[in-house]
C-alpha atoms as a PDB file:
ATOM      1  CA  UNK A   1      36.969 166.136 195.713  1.00  0.00           C
ATOM      2  CA  UNK A   2      39.038 163.924 192.953  1.00  0.00           C
ATOM      3  CA  UNK A   3      41.589 161.420 193.734  1.00  0.00           C
ATOM      4  CA  UNK A   4      44.897 163.265 192.576  1.00  0.00           C
ATOM      5  CA  UNK A   5      46.992 160.215 193.001  1.00  0.00           C
ATOM      6  CA  UNK A   6      46.617 156.603 191.955  1.00  0.00           C
ATOM      7  CA  UNK A   7      47.115 153.575 194.132  1.00  0.00           C
ATOM      8  CA  UNK A   8      50.745 153.079 192.990  1.00  0.00           C
ATOM      9  CA  UNK A   9      51.471 157.014 193.533  1.00  0.00           C
ATOM     10  CA  UNK A  10      50.189 157.063 196.985  1.00  0.00           C
ATOM     11  CA  UNK A  11      52.168 153.883 198.234  1.00  0.00           C
ATOM     12  CA  UNK A  12      55.098 155.433 196.714  1.00  0.00           C
ATOM     13  CA  UNK A  13      54.595 158.351 198.453  1.00  0.00           C
ATOM     14  CA  UNK A  14      54.459 156.421 201.819  1.00  0.00           C
ATOM     15  CA  UNK A  15      57.079 154.190 201.039  1.00  0.00           C
ATOM     16  CA  UNK A  16      59.527 157.334 200.561  1.00  0.00           C
ATOM     17  CA  UNK A  17      58.993 157.902 204.118  1.00  0.00           C
ATOM     18  CA  UNK A  18      61.240 154.916 204.933  1.00  0.00           C
ATOM     19  CA  UNK A  19      64.329 156.127 203.187  1.00  0.00           C
ATOM     20  CA  UNK A  20      67.185 156.729 205.409  1.00  0.00           C
ATOM     21  CA  UNK A  21      68.212 160.448 205.432  1.00  0.00           C
ATOM     22  CA  UNK A  22      70.770 161.065 202.576  1.00  0.00           C
ATOM     23  CA  UNK A  23      72.919 162.985 204.832  1.00  0.00           C
ATOM     24  CA  UNK A  24      73.551 159.751 207.193  1.00  0.00           C
ATOM     25  CA  UNK A  25      71.958 161.685 210.000  1.00  0.00           C
ATOM     26  CA  UNK A  26      69.891 159.114 212.214  1.00  0.00           C
ATOM     27  CA  UNK A  27      69.031 161.348 214.949  1.00  0.00           C
ATOM     28  CA  UNK A  28      66.773 164.150 213.254  1.00  0.00           C
ATOM     29  CA  UNK A  29      63.055 164.081 211.979  1.00  0.00           C
ATOM     30  CA  UNK A  30      62.352 163.369 208.205  1.00  0.00           C
ATOM     31  CA  UNK A  31      63.082 166.136 206.084  1.00  0.00           C
ATOM     32  CA  UNK A  32      59.590 166.243 204.940  1.00  0.00           C
ATOM     33  CA  UNK A  33      58.090 167.123 208.147  1.00  0.00           C
ATOM     34  CA  UNK A  34      56.916 170.668 209.278  1.00  0.00           C
ATOM     35  CA  UNK A  35      59.249 172.398 211.441  1.00  0.00           C
ATOM     36  CA  UNK A  36      56.779 172.624 214.356  1.00  0.00           C
ATOM     37  CA  UNK A  37      56.759 168.908 214.817  1.00  0.00           C
ATOM     38  CA  UNK A  38      60.680 168.419 214.944  1.00  0.00           C
ATOM     39  CA  UNK A  39      60.959 168.380 218.552  1.00  0.00           C
ATOM     40  CA  UNK A  40      58.384 165.953 218.961  1.00  0.00           C
ATOM     41  CA  UNK A  41      59.803 162.887 217.085  1.00  0.00           C
ATOM     42  CA  UNK A  42      63.218 161.140 217.511  1.00  0.00           C
ATOM     43  CA  UNK A  43      64.484 159.200 214.164  1.00  0.00           C
ATOM     44  CA  UNK A  44      65.189 155.611 213.799  1.00  0.00           C
ATOM     45  CA  UNK A  45      66.861 153.448 211.167  1.00  0.00           C
ATOM     46  CA  UNK A  46      64.918 153.999 207.768  1.00  0.00           C
ATOM     47  CA  UNK A  47      63.089 157.157 208.705  1.00  0.00           C
ATOM     48  CA  UNK A  48      60.970 155.477 211.387  1.00  0.00           C
ATOM     49  CA  UNK A  49      60.187 157.598 214.144  1.00  0.00           C
ATOM     50  CA  UNK A  50      59.550 157.044 217.885  1.00  0.00           C
ATOM     51  CA  UNK A  51      56.252 159.154 218.907  1.00  0.00           C
ATOM     52  CA  UNK A  52      54.884 159.625 222.255  1.00  0.00           C
ATOM     53  CA  UNK A  53      51.392 158.003 222.122  1.00  0.00           C
ATOM     54  CA  UNK A  54      49.925 161.255 223.856  1.00  0.00           C
ATOM     55  CA  UNK A  55      50.781 163.271 221.037  1.00  0.00           C
ATOM     56  CA  UNK A  56      48.617 161.211 218.638  1.00  0.00           C
ATOM     57  CA  UNK A  57      45.001 162.160 217.612  1.00  0.00           C
ATOM     58  CA  UNK A  58      42.195 160.327 216.075  1.00  0.00           C
ATOM     59  CA  UNK A  59      41.549 161.229 212.326  1.00  0.00           C
ATOM     60  CA  UNK A  60      39.218 160.630 209.544  1.00  0.00           C
ATOM     61  CA  UNK A  61      36.257 157.966 209.199  1.00  0.00           C
ATOM     62  CA  UNK A  62      36.063 155.461 211.538  1.00  0.00           C
ATOM     63  CA  UNK A  63      37.003 151.845 210.335  1.00  0.00           C
ATOM     64  CA  UNK A  64      36.676 149.661 213.248  1.00  0.00           C
ATOM     65  CA  UNK A  65      33.613 149.132 216.018  1.00  0.00           C
ATOM     66  CA  UNK A  66      35.567 147.888 218.780  1.00  0.00           C
ATOM     67  CA  UNK A  67      38.397 150.587 219.299  1.00  0.00           C
ATOM     68  CA  UNK A  68      38.282 154.232 219.407  1.00  0.00           C
ATOM     69  CA  UNK A  69      41.511 156.330 219.712  1.00  0.00           C
ATOM     70  CA  UNK A  70      40.619 159.336 222.317  1.00  0.00           C
ATOM     71  CA  UNK A  71      42.998 161.508 224.418  1.00  0.00           C
ATOM     72  CA  UNK A  72      42.138 159.398 227.417  1.00  0.00           C
ATOM     73  CA  UNK A  73      41.424 155.864 226.889  1.00  0.00           C
ATOM     74  CA  UNK A  74      40.440 153.289 229.596  1.00  0.00           C
ATOM     75  CA  UNK A  75      42.903 151.847 231.804  1.00  0.00           C
ATOM     76  CA  UNK A  76      41.863 148.483 231.060  1.00  0.00           C
ATOM     77  CA  UNK A  77      41.740 148.220 227.010  1.00  0.00           C
ATOM     78  CA  UNK A  78      39.807 145.496 225.377  1.00  0.00           C
ATOM     79  CA  UNK A  79      40.842 141.801 224.982  1.00  0.00           C
ATOM     80  CA  UNK A  80      42.318 142.448 221.316  1.00  0.00           C
ATOM     81  CA  UNK A  81      44.444 145.238 222.653  1.00  0.00           C
ATOM     82  CA  UNK A  82      45.734 143.594 225.514  1.00  0.00           C
ATOM     83  CA  UNK A  83      46.838 140.539 223.197  1.00  0.00           C
ATOM     84  CA  UNK A  84      48.611 142.887 220.853  1.00  0.00           C
ATOM     85  CA  UNK A  85      50.222 144.713 223.685  1.00  0.00           C
ATOM     86  CA  UNK A  86      51.562 141.168 225.066  1.00  0.00           C
ATOM     87  CA  UNK A  87      52.958 140.499 221.552  1.00  0.00           C
ATOM     88  CA  UNK A  88      54.785 143.889 221.157  1.00  0.00           C
ATOM     89  CA  UNK A  89      56.164 143.563 224.594  1.00  0.00           C
ATOM     90  CA  UNK A  90      57.557 140.014 223.797  1.00  0.00           C
ATOM     91  CA  UNK A  91      58.675 140.505 220.217  1.00  0.00           C
ATOM     92  CA  UNK A  92      58.637 144.297 219.682  1.00  0.00           C
ATOM     93  CA  UNK A  93      56.408 146.531 217.204  1.00  0.00           C
ATOM     94  CA  UNK A  94      57.006 144.709 214.064  1.00  0.00           C
ATOM     95  CA  UNK A  95      55.045 147.033 211.624  1.00  0.00           C
ATOM     96  CA  UNK A  96      54.914 150.890 212.137  1.00  0.00           C
ATOM     97  CA  UNK A  97      52.080 153.141 211.900  1.00  0.00           C
ATOM     98  CA  UNK A  98      51.295 155.929 209.405  1.00  0.00           C
ATOM     99  CA  UNK A  99      50.607 159.385 211.136  1.00  0.00           C
ATOM    100  CA  UNK A 100      50.664 162.958 209.770  1.00  0.00           C
ATOM    101  CA  UNK A 101      51.471 166.252 211.577  1.00  0.00           C
ATOM    102  CA  UNK A 102      48.192 167.897 213.170  1.00  0.00           C
ATOM    103  CA  UNK A 103      47.441 171.168 211.649  1.00  0.00           C
ATOM    104  CA  UNK A 104      45.344 172.092 214.303  1.00  0.00           C
ATOM    105  CA  UNK A 105      47.907 171.119 217.360  1.00  0.00           C
ATOM    106  CA  UNK A 106      51.574 171.831 216.966  1.00  0.00           C
ATOM    107  CA  UNK A 107      53.679 169.061 217.889  1.00  0.00           C
ATOM    108  CA  UNK A 108      50.868 166.509 217.625  1.00  0.00           C
ATOM    109  CA  UNK A 109      50.086 163.972 214.943  1.00  0.00           C
ATOM    110  CA  UNK A 110      47.136 162.438 213.354  1.00  0.00           C
ATOM    111  CA  UNK A 111      46.791 158.611 212.932  1.00  0.00           C
ATOM    112  CA  UNK A 112      46.041 157.484 209.491  1.00  0.00           C
ATOM    113  CA  UNK A 113      46.356 153.720 210.137  1.00  0.00           C
ATOM    114  CA  UNK A 114      47.448 151.758 213.308  1.00  0.00           C
ATOM    115  CA  UNK A 115      45.229 152.746 216.068  1.00  0.00           C
ATOM    116  CA  UNK A 116      45.383 149.252 217.738  1.00  0.00           C
ATOM    117  CA  UNK A 117      48.980 149.541 218.000  1.00  0.00           C
ATOM    118  CA  UNK A 118      49.017 152.779 219.124  1.00  0.00           C
ATOM    119  CA  UNK A 119      46.642 151.892 221.924  1.00  0.00           C
ATOM    120  CA  UNK A 120      48.594 148.835 222.712  1.00  0.00           C
ATOM    121  CA  UNK A 121      51.780 150.958 223.127  1.00  0.00           C
ATOM    122  CA  UNK A 122      50.014 153.502 225.195  1.00  0.00           C
ATOM    123  CA  UNK A 123      48.818 150.531 227.593  1.00  0.00           C
ATOM    124  CA  UNK A 124      52.499 149.446 227.831  1.00  0.00           C
ATOM    125  CA  UNK A 125      53.998 152.956 228.159  1.00  0.00           C
ATOM    126  CA  UNK A 126      56.269 152.941 225.509  1.00  0.00           C
ATOM    127  CA  UNK A 127      56.454 155.184 222.317  1.00  0.00           C
ATOM    128  CA  UNK A 128      54.928 153.782 218.903  1.00  0.00           C
ATOM    129  CA  UNK A 129      57.189 153.397 215.938  1.00  0.00           C
ATOM    130  CA  UNK A 130      55.708 155.464 213.182  1.00  0.00           C
ATOM    131  CA  UNK A 131      56.054 156.729 209.607  1.00  0.00           C
ATOM    132  CA  UNK A 132      55.289 160.398 209.374  1.00  0.00           C
ATOM    133  CA  UNK A 133      54.122 161.772 206.046  1.00  0.00           C
ATOM    134  CA  UNK A 134      52.527 165.117 205.105  1.00  0.00           C
ATOM    135  CA  UNK A 135      49.525 163.774 203.607  1.00  0.00           C
ATOM    136  CA  UNK A 136      46.206 165.661 202.454  1.00  0.00           C
ATOM    137  CA  UNK A 137      42.784 164.007 203.345  1.00  0.00           C
ATOM    138  CA  UNK A 138      42.203 162.395 199.948  1.00  0.00           C
ATOM    139  CA  UNK A 139      45.780 160.853 199.954  1.00  0.00           C
ATOM    140  CA  UNK A 140      45.215 159.814 203.755  1.00  0.00           C
ATOM    141  CA  UNK A 141      42.096 158.340 203.042  1.00  0.00           C
ATOM    142  CA  UNK A 142      43.342 156.324 200.277  1.00  0.00           C
ATOM    143  CA  UNK A 143      46.340 154.805 202.375  1.00  0.00           C
ATOM    144  CA  UNK A 144      43.943 154.088 205.120  1.00  0.00           C
ATOM    145  CA  UNK A 145      41.771 152.173 202.899  1.00  0.00           C
ATOM    146  CA  UNK A 146      44.752 150.288 201.289  1.00  0.00           C
ATOM    147  CA  UNK A 147      46.256 149.428 204.600  1.00  0.00           C
ATOM    148  CA  UNK A 148      43.150 147.900 205.614  1.00  0.00           C
ATOM    149  CA  UNK A 149      42.472 146.020 202.587  1.00  0.00           C
ATOM    150  CA  UNK A 150      46.115 144.896 202.278  1.00  0.00           C
ATOM    151  CA  UNK A 151      46.230 143.278 205.993  1.00  0.00           C
ATOM    152  CA  UNK A 152      42.638 142.202 205.795  1.00  0.00           C
ATOM    153  CA  UNK A 153      42.137 143.346 209.146  1.00  0.00           C
ATOM    154  CA  UNK A 154      38.483 144.728 208.827  1.00  0.00           C
ATOM    155  CA  UNK A 155      35.354 142.608 209.322  1.00  0.00           C
ATOM    156  CA  UNK A 156      32.639 142.509 206.489  1.00  0.00           C
ATOM    157  CA  UNK A 157      30.392 144.835 208.790  1.00  0.00           C
ATOM    158  CA  UNK A 158      33.375 147.071 209.628  1.00  0.00           C
ATOM    159  CA  UNK A 159      33.746 147.561 205.995  1.00  0.00           C
ATOM    160  CA  UNK A 160      30.046 148.218 205.715  1.00  0.00           C
ATOM    161  CA  UNK A 161      30.517 151.123 208.133  1.00  0.00           C
ATOM    162  CA  UNK A 162      33.723 152.257 206.935  1.00  0.00           C
ATOM    163  CA  UNK A 163      32.432 152.717 203.683  1.00  0.00           C
ATOM    164  CA  UNK A 164      29.318 154.559 204.859  1.00  0.00           C
ATOM    165  CA  UNK A 165      31.633 156.968 206.948  1.00  0.00           C
ATOM    166  CA  UNK A 166      33.596 157.874 204.105  1.00  0.00           C
ATOM    167  CA  UNK A 167      30.734 158.686 201.939  1.00  0.00           C
ATOM    168  CA  UNK A 168      29.264 160.547 204.783  1.00  0.00           C
ATOM    169  CA  UNK A 169      32.218 162.806 204.812  1.00  0.00           C
ATOM    170  CA  UNK A 170      31.624 164.123 201.448  1.00  0.00           C
ATOM    171  CA  UNK A 171      33.763 161.554 199.300  1.00  0.00           C
ATOM    172  CA  UNK A 172      32.419 160.119 196.005  1.00  0.00           C
ATOM    173  CA  UNK A 173      31.380 156.582 195.559  1.00  0.00           C
ATOM    174  CA  UNK A 174      34.546 156.493 193.164  1.00  0.00           C
ATOM    175  CA  UNK A 175      36.704 157.576 195.819  1.00  0.00           C
ATOM    176  CA  UNK A 176      35.538 155.011 198.204  1.00  0.00           C
ATOM    177  CA  UNK A 177      35.781 152.140 195.685  1.00  0.00           C
ATOM    178  CA  UNK A 178      39.495 153.129 195.291  1.00  0.00           C
ATOM    179  CA  UNK A 179      39.927 153.666 198.959  1.00  0.00           C
ATOM    180  CA  UNK A 180      38.573 150.146 199.781  1.00  0.00           C
ATOM    181  CA  UNK A 181      40.017 148.480 196.771  1.00  0.00           C
ATOM    182  CA  UNK A 182      36.351 147.332 195.669  1.00  0.00           C
ATOM    183  CA  UNK A 183      34.044 147.329 192.760  1.00  0.00           C
ATOM    184  CA  UNK A 184      31.031 149.498 192.490  1.00  0.00           C
ATOM    185  CA  UNK A 185      28.630 146.248 193.036  1.00  0.00           C
ATOM    186  CA  UNK A 186      30.479 145.416 195.998  1.00  0.00           C
ATOM    187  CA  UNK A 187      29.924 148.914 197.287  1.00  0.00           C
ATOM    188  CA  UNK A 188      26.195 148.718 196.399  1.00  0.00           C
ATOM    189  CA  UNK A 189      26.058 145.643 198.705  1.00  0.00           C
ATOM    190  CA  UNK A 190      27.778 147.241 201.620  1.00  0.00           C
ATOM    191  CA  UNK A 191      25.309 150.320 201.277  1.00  0.00           C
ATOM    192  CA  UNK A 192      22.306 147.588 201.045  1.00  0.00           C
ATOM    193  CA  UNK A 193      23.474 146.123 204.492  1.00  0.00           C
ATOM    194  CA  UNK A 194      24.165 149.637 206.114  1.00  0.00           C
ATOM    195  CA  UNK A 195      20.577 150.752 204.876  1.00  0.00           C
ATOM    196  CA  UNK A 196      18.527 147.995 205.874  1.00  0.00           C
ATOM    197  CA  UNK A 197      20.516 146.965 209.123  1.00  0.00           C
ATOM    198  CA  UNK A 198      19.582 149.403 211.784  1.00  0.00           C
ATOM    199  CA  UNK A 199      22.535 150.981 213.262  1.00  0.00           C
ATOM    200  CA  UNK A 200      21.875 150.211 216.832  1.00  0.00           C
ATOM    201  CA  UNK A 201      21.408 146.516 215.995  1.00  0.00           C
ATOM    202  CA  UNK A 202      24.744 146.586 214.166  1.00  0.00           C
ATOM    203  CA  UNK A 203      26.463 148.230 216.916  1.00  0.00           C
ATOM    204  CA  UNK A 204      24.811 145.875 219.372  1.00  0.00           C
ATOM    205  CA  UNK A 205      26.257 142.782 217.465  1.00  0.00           C
ATOM    206  CA  UNK A 206      29.637 144.034 216.993  1.00  0.00           C
ATOM    207  CA  UNK A 207      32.583 143.568 214.281  1.00  0.00           C
ATOM    208  CA  UNK A 208      31.633 139.862 213.999  1.00  0.00           C
ATOM    209  CA  UNK A 209      35.122 138.936 212.394  1.00  0.00           C
ATOM    210  CA  UNK A 210      33.882 135.377 211.426  1.00  0.00           C
ATOM    211  CA  UNK A 211      30.873 136.495 209.571  1.00  0.00           C
ATOM    212  CA  UNK A 212      31.132 137.336 205.692  1.00  0.00           C
ATOM    213  CA  UNK A 213      28.558 138.837 203.309  1.00  0.00           C
ATOM    214  CA  UNK A 214      26.040 135.745 203.280  1.00  0.00           C
ATOM    215  CA  UNK A 215      24.994 136.117 206.932  1.00  0.00           C
ATOM    216  CA  UNK A 216      24.867 140.039 207.100  1.00  0.00           C
ATOM    217  CA  UNK A 217      22.810 139.797 203.609  1.00  0.00           C
ATOM    218  CA  UNK A 218      20.140 137.267 205.533  1.00  0.00           C
ATOM    219  CA  UNK A 219      20.049 139.882 208.416  1.00  0.00           C
ATOM    220  CA  UNK A 220      19.484 142.782 206.004  1.00  0.00           C
ATOM    221  CA  UNK A 221      16.833 140.833 204.075  1.00  0.00           C
ATOM    222  CA  UNK A 222      14.984 139.749 207.298  1.00  0.00           C
ATOM    223  CA  UNK A 223      14.673 143.376 208.076  1.00  0.00           C
ATOM    224  CA  UNK A 224      13.708 144.495 204.413  1.00  0.00           C
ATOM    225  CA  UNK A 225      10.793 141.524 204.675  1.00  0.00           C
ATOM    226  CA  UNK A 226       9.715 142.671 207.876  1.00  0.00           C
ATOM    227  CA  UNK A 227      10.489 139.105 209.299  1.00  0.00           C
ATOM    228  CA  UNK A 228      12.589 141.005 212.097  1.00  0.00           C
ATOM    229  CA  UNK A 229      12.030 144.551 213.804  1.00  0.00           C
ATOM    230  CA  UNK A 230      14.714 146.579 215.810  1.00  0.00           C
ATOM    231  CA  UNK A 231      13.062 146.257 218.834  1.00  0.00           C
ATOM    232  CA  UNK A 232      12.959 142.615 218.690  1.00  0.00           C
ATOM    233  CA  UNK A 233      16.556 142.083 217.442  1.00  0.00           C
ATOM    234  CA  UNK A 234      17.602 144.345 220.258  1.00  0.00           C
ATOM    235  CA  UNK A 235      15.482 142.454 223.004  1.00  0.00           C
ATOM    236  CA  UNK A 236      17.412 139.350 221.889  1.00  0.00           C
ATOM    237  CA  UNK A 237      20.834 140.954 221.861  1.00  0.00           C
ATOM    238  CA  UNK A 238      19.986 142.106 225.064  1.00  0.00           C
ATOM    239  CA  UNK A 239      19.709 138.483 226.307  1.00  0.00           C
ATOM    240  CA  UNK A 240      22.998 137.461 224.806  1.00  0.00           C
ATOM    241  CA  UNK A 241      25.058 137.397 228.008  1.00  0.00           C
ATOM    242  CA  UNK A 242      28.634 136.765 227.532  1.00  0.00           C
ATOM    243  CA  UNK A 243      28.400 135.721 223.875  1.00  0.00           C
ATOM    244  CA  UNK A 244      31.102 137.214 221.619  1.00  0.00           C
ATOM    245  CA  UNK A 245      30.248 139.287 218.533  1.00  0.00           C
ATOM    246  CA  UNK A 246      30.019 136.207 216.133  1.00  0.00           C
ATOM    247  CA  UNK A 247      27.619 134.392 218.734  1.00  0.00           C
ATOM    248  CA  UNK A 248      25.611 137.500 218.972  1.00  0.00           C
ATOM    249  CA  UNK A 249      24.933 137.440 215.447  1.00  0.00           C
ATOM    250  CA  UNK A 250      24.169 133.872 215.155  1.00  0.00           C
ATOM    251  CA  UNK A 251      21.580 134.396 217.873  1.00  0.00           C
ATOM    252  CA  UNK A 252      19.801 136.960 215.827  1.00  0.00           C
ATOM    253  CA  UNK A 253      19.909 134.886 212.932  1.00  0.00           C
ATOM    254  CA  UNK A 254      18.391 132.005 214.658  1.00  0.00           C
ATOM    255  CA  UNK A 255      15.644 134.314 215.898  1.00  0.00           C
ATOM    256  CA  UNK A 256      14.928 134.920 212.277  1.00  0.00           C
ATOM    257  CA  UNK A 257      14.312 131.273 211.803  1.00  0.00           C
ATOM    258  CA  UNK A 258      12.162 130.844 214.734  1.00  0.00           C
ATOM    259  CA  UNK A 259       9.910 134.033 213.747  1.00  0.00           C
ATOM    260  CA  UNK A 260       9.561 132.489 210.210  1.00  0.00           C
ATOM    261  CA  UNK A 261       8.221 129.349 211.533  1.00  0.00           C
ATOM    262  CA  UNK A 262       5.560 131.251 213.559  1.00  0.00           C
ATOM    263  CA  UNK A 263       4.540 132.701 210.462  1.00  0.00           C
ATOM    264  CA  UNK A 264       4.069 129.434 208.571  1.00  0.00           C
ATOM    265  CA  UNK A 265       2.335 127.570 211.702  1.00  0.00           C
ATOM    266  CA  UNK A 266      -1.397 126.875 211.679  1.00  0.00           C
ATOM    267  CA  UNK A 267      -4.058 127.737 214.373  1.00  0.00           C
ATOM    268  CA  UNK A 268      -5.833 124.669 215.542  1.00  0.00           C
ATOM    269  CA  UNK A 269      -9.156 124.579 217.566  1.00  0.00           C
ATOM    270  CA  UNK A 270     -11.607 121.836 218.242  1.00  0.00           C
ATOM    271  CA  UNK A 271     -15.394 123.045 218.562  1.00  0.00           C
ATOM    272  CA  UNK A 272     -16.679 119.355 219.285  1.00  0.00           C
ATOM    273  CA  UNK A 273     -14.786 116.457 220.690  1.00  0.00           C
ATOM    274  CA  UNK A 274     -13.515 114.393 217.950  1.00  0.00           C
ATOM    275  CA  UNK A 275     -13.574 117.504 215.575  1.00  0.00           C
ATOM    276  CA  UNK A 276     -10.564 119.651 214.551  1.00  0.00           C
ATOM    277  CA  UNK A 277     -10.367 122.691 212.618  1.00  0.00           C
ATOM    278  CA  UNK A 278      -6.852 123.768 211.295  1.00  0.00           C
ATOM    279  CA  UNK A 279      -6.583 127.300 209.689  1.00  0.00           C
ATOM    280  CA  UNK A 280      -3.420 128.868 208.229  1.00  0.00           C
ATOM    281  CA  UNK A 281      -2.502 131.320 205.650  1.00  0.00           C
ATOM    282  CA  UNK A 282      -2.630 128.543 202.798  1.00  0.00           C
ATOM    283  CA  UNK A 283      -5.810 126.863 203.783  1.00  0.00           C
ATOM    284  CA  UNK A 284      -8.440 125.542 205.889  1.00  0.00           C
ATOM    285  CA  UNK A 285      -9.266 122.140 206.969  1.00  0.00           C
ATOM    286  CA  UNK A 286     -11.768 119.982 209.266  1.00  0.00           C
ATOM    287  CA  UNK A 287     -10.941 116.715 210.478  1.00  0.00           C
ATOM    288  CA  UNK A 288     -13.835 114.375 211.945  1.00  0.00           C
ATOM    289  CA  UNK A 289     -12.811 111.222 213.688  1.00  0.00           C
ATOM    290  CA  UNK A 290     -14.675 108.142 212.491  1.00  0.00           C
ATOM    291  CA  UNK A 291     -14.451 106.380 215.845  1.00  0.00           C
ATOM    292  CA  UNK A 292     -16.772 105.726 219.131  1.00  0.00           C
ATOM    293  CA  UNK A 293     -19.673 108.238 219.599  1.00  0.00           C
ATOM    294  CA  UNK A 294     -18.515 110.151 216.674  1.00  0.00           C
ATOM    295  CA  UNK A 295     -18.890 107.502 214.055  1.00  0.00           C
ATOM    296  CA  UNK A 296     -22.401 108.336 213.226  1.00  0.00           C
ATOM    297  CA  UNK A 297     -21.775 112.224 212.939  1.00  0.00           C
ATOM    298  CA  UNK A 298     -18.922 111.787 210.587  1.00  0.00           C
ATOM    299  CA  UNK A 299     -20.998 109.436 208.393  1.00  0.00           C
ATOM    300  CA  UNK A 300     -23.726 111.924 208.430  1.00  0.00           C
ATOM    301  CA  UNK A 301     -21.388 114.868 207.730  1.00  0.00           C
ATOM    302  CA  UNK A 302     -19.882 112.744 204.878  1.00  0.00           C
ATOM    303  CA  UNK A 303     -23.158 112.428 203.200  1.00  0.00           C
ATOM    304  CA  UNK A 304     -24.330 116.210 203.556  1.00  0.00           C
ATOM    305  CA  UNK A 305     -20.926 117.839 203.367  1.00  0.00           C
ATOM    306  CA  UNK A 306     -21.358 119.031 199.893  1.00  0.00           C
ATOM    307  CA  UNK A 307     -24.778 120.514 200.477  1.00  0.00           C
ATOM    308  CA  UNK A 308     -23.449 122.064 203.795  1.00  0.00           C
ATOM    309  CA  UNK A 309     -20.746 123.985 201.967  1.00  0.00           C
ATOM    310  CA  UNK A 310     -22.986 125.214 199.110  1.00  0.00           C
ATOM    311  CA  UNK A 311     -25.453 126.667 201.774  1.00  0.00           C
ATOM    312  CA  UNK A 312     -22.546 128.234 203.547  1.00  0.00           C
ATOM    313  CA  UNK A 313     -21.449 129.903 200.479  1.00  0.00           C
ATOM    314  CA  UNK A 314     -24.958 131.213 199.533  1.00  0.00           C
ATOM    315  CA  UNK A 315     -25.242 132.612 203.121  1.00  0.00           C
ATOM    316  CA  UNK A 316     -21.608 134.201 202.451  1.00  0.00           C
ATOM    317  CA  UNK A 317     -22.696 135.482 199.177  1.00  0.00           C
ATOM    318  CA  UNK A 318     -25.753 136.914 200.624  1.00  0.00           C
ATOM    319  CA  UNK A 319     -24.136 138.656 203.608  1.00  0.00           C
ATOM    320  CA  UNK A 320     -21.277 140.056 201.722  1.00  0.00           C
ATOM    321  CA  UNK A 321     -23.739 141.532 198.823  1.00  0.00           C
ATOM    322  CA  UNK A 322     -25.715 143.555 201.459  1.00  0.00           C
ATOM    323  CA  UNK A 323     -25.078 147.381 201.318  1.00  0.00           C
END
């Protein structure tokens, strides 16, 4: 499906929703709304509507890992929603959300962006201040992506998942780039993270708002090189206790470092007192101490080692050439 409007066009259309009614009225819904929604809104200054949060439905690709708008949300919202609710209670809702009338349920609306604000208002038991536009799916997606990009609210991993969710709904890579305001190269990087990091691991870690591309790239590379498995990562995360999302990611990254050291470690054994053999991927070494009872043996070995190695090599060749 092609993008019918560019960014300037869609933002102009959204801005138009804030225009005050030309007839001076302030108690009716915006003139662009379908008739079935008129009774569900109360207009405010600048075309902003007060909407009952119970009338708002989820829509579109999921862009956040920690929240989800449902008909009935938990009575105890997560900490970020509680903080936002406290802010709205003290200073009011400063930024309206964007909704569109639902085609499936008369008198209801679908959220284009602003889920956190809706949940915060729902928690407070107050209506949410909203702009309402009749946007098609393509324009709604672009508005959703532009708002997230403009407010820089999504973490890097949330952008990874948001981009994938858009693609899975049938949009083209070009449309994803436009919606997220990113280049094709950046989209390729997001796709690589999504492809290599198991979904279960990403969801167990969470949004990790403090982590950017380098940390997620390190994690993806570890899975690609088989330095880490999904089960091992989930095992580590299962022991993360009360750590927040960024802390959980750091815990998994530290596990990669531990496993790397284990792979580089050498096996040590001592077949005789004073004799130590070290075996690793890069080589094999034998150390014989020249002290005490070992002195004579070390001296003898020093004199005969070349011949012993030659004899051992000939035996090796003989055993490996046998049919």
